[in-house]
């Protein structure tokens, strides 16, 4: 494998790692937003049940 082949391989690995990190960050943000929404919904339901007392 010559020098150009190594450079292409390294660039491909770097691009792949960047894409993996970017997709992981987006998925983590979506997961946290979903969990936050569920907790907020549960908290509102609990507040409503206490106001009925």
N, C-alpha and C. Protein backbone atom coordinates (compact mmCIF):
# COMPACT_ATOMS: atom_id res chain seq x y z
N UNK A 1 0.85 -1.17 0.00
CA UNK A 1 0.00 0.00 0.00
C UNK A 1 0.90 1.23 0.00
N UNK A 2 0.67 2.11 -0.93
CA UNK A 2 1.52 3.29 -1.01
C UNK A 2 1.00 4.42 -0.11
N UNK A 3 1.66 5.57 -0.18
CA UNK A 3 1.30 6.68 0.70
C UNK A 3 -0.10 7.21 0.47
N UNK A 4 -0.51 7.27 -0.80
CA UNK A 4 -1.85 7.78 -1.10
C UNK A 4 -2.91 6.84 -0.54
N UNK A 5 -2.67 5.56 -0.62
CA UNK A 5 -3.62 4.59 -0.07
C UNK A 5 -3.79 4.74 1.42
N UNK A 6 -2.67 4.97 2.13
CA UNK A 6 -2.75 5.18 3.57
C UNK A 6 -3.51 6.45 3.91
N UNK A 7 -3.26 7.51 3.15
CA UNK A 7 -3.94 8.78 3.41
C UNK A 7 -5.44 8.63 3.19
N UNK A 8 -5.84 7.94 2.12
CA UNK A 8 -7.27 7.72 1.85
C UNK A 8 -7.88 6.88 2.96
N UNK A 9 -7.18 5.86 3.41
CA UNK A 9 -7.68 5.02 4.50
C UNK A 9 -7.86 5.82 5.79
N UNK A 10 -6.90 6.66 6.11
CA UNK A 10 -6.99 7.47 7.33
C UNK A 10 -8.12 8.48 7.21
N UNK A 11 -8.24 9.12 6.05
CA UNK A 11 -9.35 10.08 5.86
C UNK A 11 -10.71 9.40 5.95
N UNK A 12 -10.82 8.22 5.39
CA UNK A 12 -12.08 7.48 5.48
C UNK A 12 -12.41 7.12 6.93
N UNK A 13 -11.38 6.73 7.68
CA UNK A 13 -11.60 6.41 9.09
C UNK A 13 -12.01 7.65 9.87
N UNK A 14 -11.39 8.79 9.57
CA UNK A 14 -11.74 10.03 10.27
C UNK A 14 -13.17 10.46 9.94
N UNK A 15 -13.55 10.37 8.68
CA UNK A 15 -14.92 10.74 8.28
C UNK A 15 -15.93 9.79 8.93
N UNK A 16 -15.61 8.51 8.96
CA UNK A 16 -16.50 7.54 9.60
C UNK A 16 -16.66 7.81 11.09
N UNK A 17 -15.55 8.14 11.75
CA UNK A 17 -15.61 8.43 13.18
C UNK A 17 -16.43 9.70 13.43
N UNK A 18 -16.26 10.71 12.57
CA UNK A 18 -17.03 11.95 12.72
C UNK A 18 -18.52 11.69 12.53
N UNK A 19 -18.87 10.92 11.52
CA UNK A 19 -20.28 10.61 11.29
C UNK A 19 -20.87 9.82 12.46
N UNK A 20 -20.11 8.86 12.96
CA UNK A 20 -20.56 8.08 14.11
C UNK A 20 -20.81 8.97 15.31
N UNK A 21 -19.88 9.90 15.59
CA UNK A 21 -20.04 10.80 16.73
C UNK A 21 -21.22 11.75 16.53
N UNK A 22 -21.40 12.25 15.32
CA UNK A 22 -22.50 13.18 15.05
C UNK A 22 -23.85 12.48 15.20
N UNK A 23 -23.98 11.30 14.63
CA UNK A 23 -25.24 10.55 14.73
C UNK A 23 -25.51 10.17 16.17
N UNK A 24 -24.48 9.78 16.90
CA UNK A 24 -24.65 9.44 18.32
C UNK A 24 -25.12 10.64 19.12
N UNK A 25 -24.56 11.82 18.84
CA UNK A 25 -24.96 13.03 19.57
C UNK A 25 -26.41 13.37 19.29
N UNK A 26 -26.85 13.23 18.05
CA UNK A 26 -28.25 13.52 17.70
C UNK A 26 -29.18 12.53 18.40
N UNK A 27 -28.82 11.26 18.37
CA UNK A 27 -29.66 10.26 19.03
C UNK A 27 -29.73 10.47 20.54
N UNK A 28 -28.61 10.86 21.14
CA UNK A 28 -28.60 11.12 22.58
C UNK A 28 -29.47 12.33 22.91
N UNK A 29 -29.41 13.37 22.09
CA UNK A 29 -30.26 14.55 22.31
C UNK A 29 -31.74 14.18 22.19
N UNK A 30 -32.09 13.36 21.20
CA UNK A 30 -33.49 12.93 21.06
C UNK A 30 -33.94 12.09 22.25
N UNK A 31 -33.06 11.22 22.73
CA UNK A 31 -33.40 10.40 23.89
C UNK A 31 -33.62 11.26 25.12
N UNK A 32 -32.73 12.23 25.35
CA UNK A 32 -32.89 13.10 26.51
C UNK A 32 -34.16 13.95 26.40
N UNK A 33 -34.49 14.41 25.21
CA UNK A 33 -35.71 15.18 25.03
C UNK A 33 -36.93 14.31 25.32
N UNK A 34 -36.90 13.06 24.89
CA UNK A 34 -38.02 12.15 25.12
C UNK A 34 -38.18 11.88 26.62
N UNK A 35 -37.08 11.63 27.31
CA UNK A 35 -37.14 11.37 28.75
C UNK A 35 -37.63 12.60 29.49
N UNK A 36 -37.15 13.77 29.08
CA UNK A 36 -37.58 15.01 29.73
C UNK A 36 -39.08 15.23 29.54
N UNK A 37 -39.58 14.96 28.33
CA UNK A 37 -41.00 15.12 28.08
C UNK A 37 -41.82 14.15 28.93
N UNK A 38 -41.36 12.93 29.04
CA UNK A 38 -42.10 11.95 29.86
C UNK A 38 -42.12 12.35 31.33
N UNK A 39 -40.98 12.83 31.83
CA UNK A 39 -40.93 13.26 33.23
C UNK A 39 -41.84 14.46 33.46
N UNK A 40 -41.85 15.38 32.52
CA UNK A 40 -42.70 16.56 32.65
C UNK A 40 -44.17 16.16 32.64
N UNK A 41 -44.53 15.24 31.76
CA UNK A 41 -45.91 14.77 31.67
C UNK A 41 -46.32 14.09 32.97
N UNK A 42 -45.44 13.26 33.52
CA UNK A 42 -45.72 12.57 34.78
C UNK A 42 -45.87 13.57 35.92
N UNK A 43 -45.00 14.60 35.91
CA UNK A 43 -45.06 15.61 36.96
C UNK A 43 -46.36 16.39 36.89
N UNK A 44 -46.82 16.72 35.67
CA UNK A 44 -48.09 17.45 35.53
C UNK A 44 -49.26 16.58 35.99
N UNK A 45 -49.23 15.31 35.66
CA UNK A 45 -50.30 14.41 36.10
C UNK A 45 -50.32 14.29 37.61
N UNK A 46 -49.15 14.25 38.22
CA UNK A 46 -49.08 14.16 39.68
C UNK A 46 -49.60 15.45 40.31
N UNK A 47 -49.26 16.60 39.72
CA UNK A 47 -49.74 17.87 40.23
C UNK A 47 -51.26 17.95 40.12
N UNK A 48 -51.82 17.44 39.01
CA UNK A 48 -53.26 17.45 38.84
C UNK A 48 -53.95 16.58 39.87
N UNK A 49 -53.36 15.43 40.18
CA UNK A 49 -53.98 14.54 41.15
C UNK A 49 -53.94 15.14 42.55
N UNK A 50 -52.89 15.92 42.87
CA UNK A 50 -52.84 16.56 44.17
C UNK A 50 -53.82 17.73 44.26
N UNK A 51 -54.09 18.39 43.14
CA UNK A 51 -55.02 19.52 43.18
C UNK A 51 -56.46 19.05 43.38
N UNK A 52 -56.73 17.77 43.11
CA UNK A 52 -58.07 17.23 43.30
C UNK A 52 -58.39 16.99 44.77
N UNK A 53 -57.36 16.96 45.61
CA UNK A 53 -57.60 16.65 47.04
C UNK A 53 -58.27 17.75 47.78
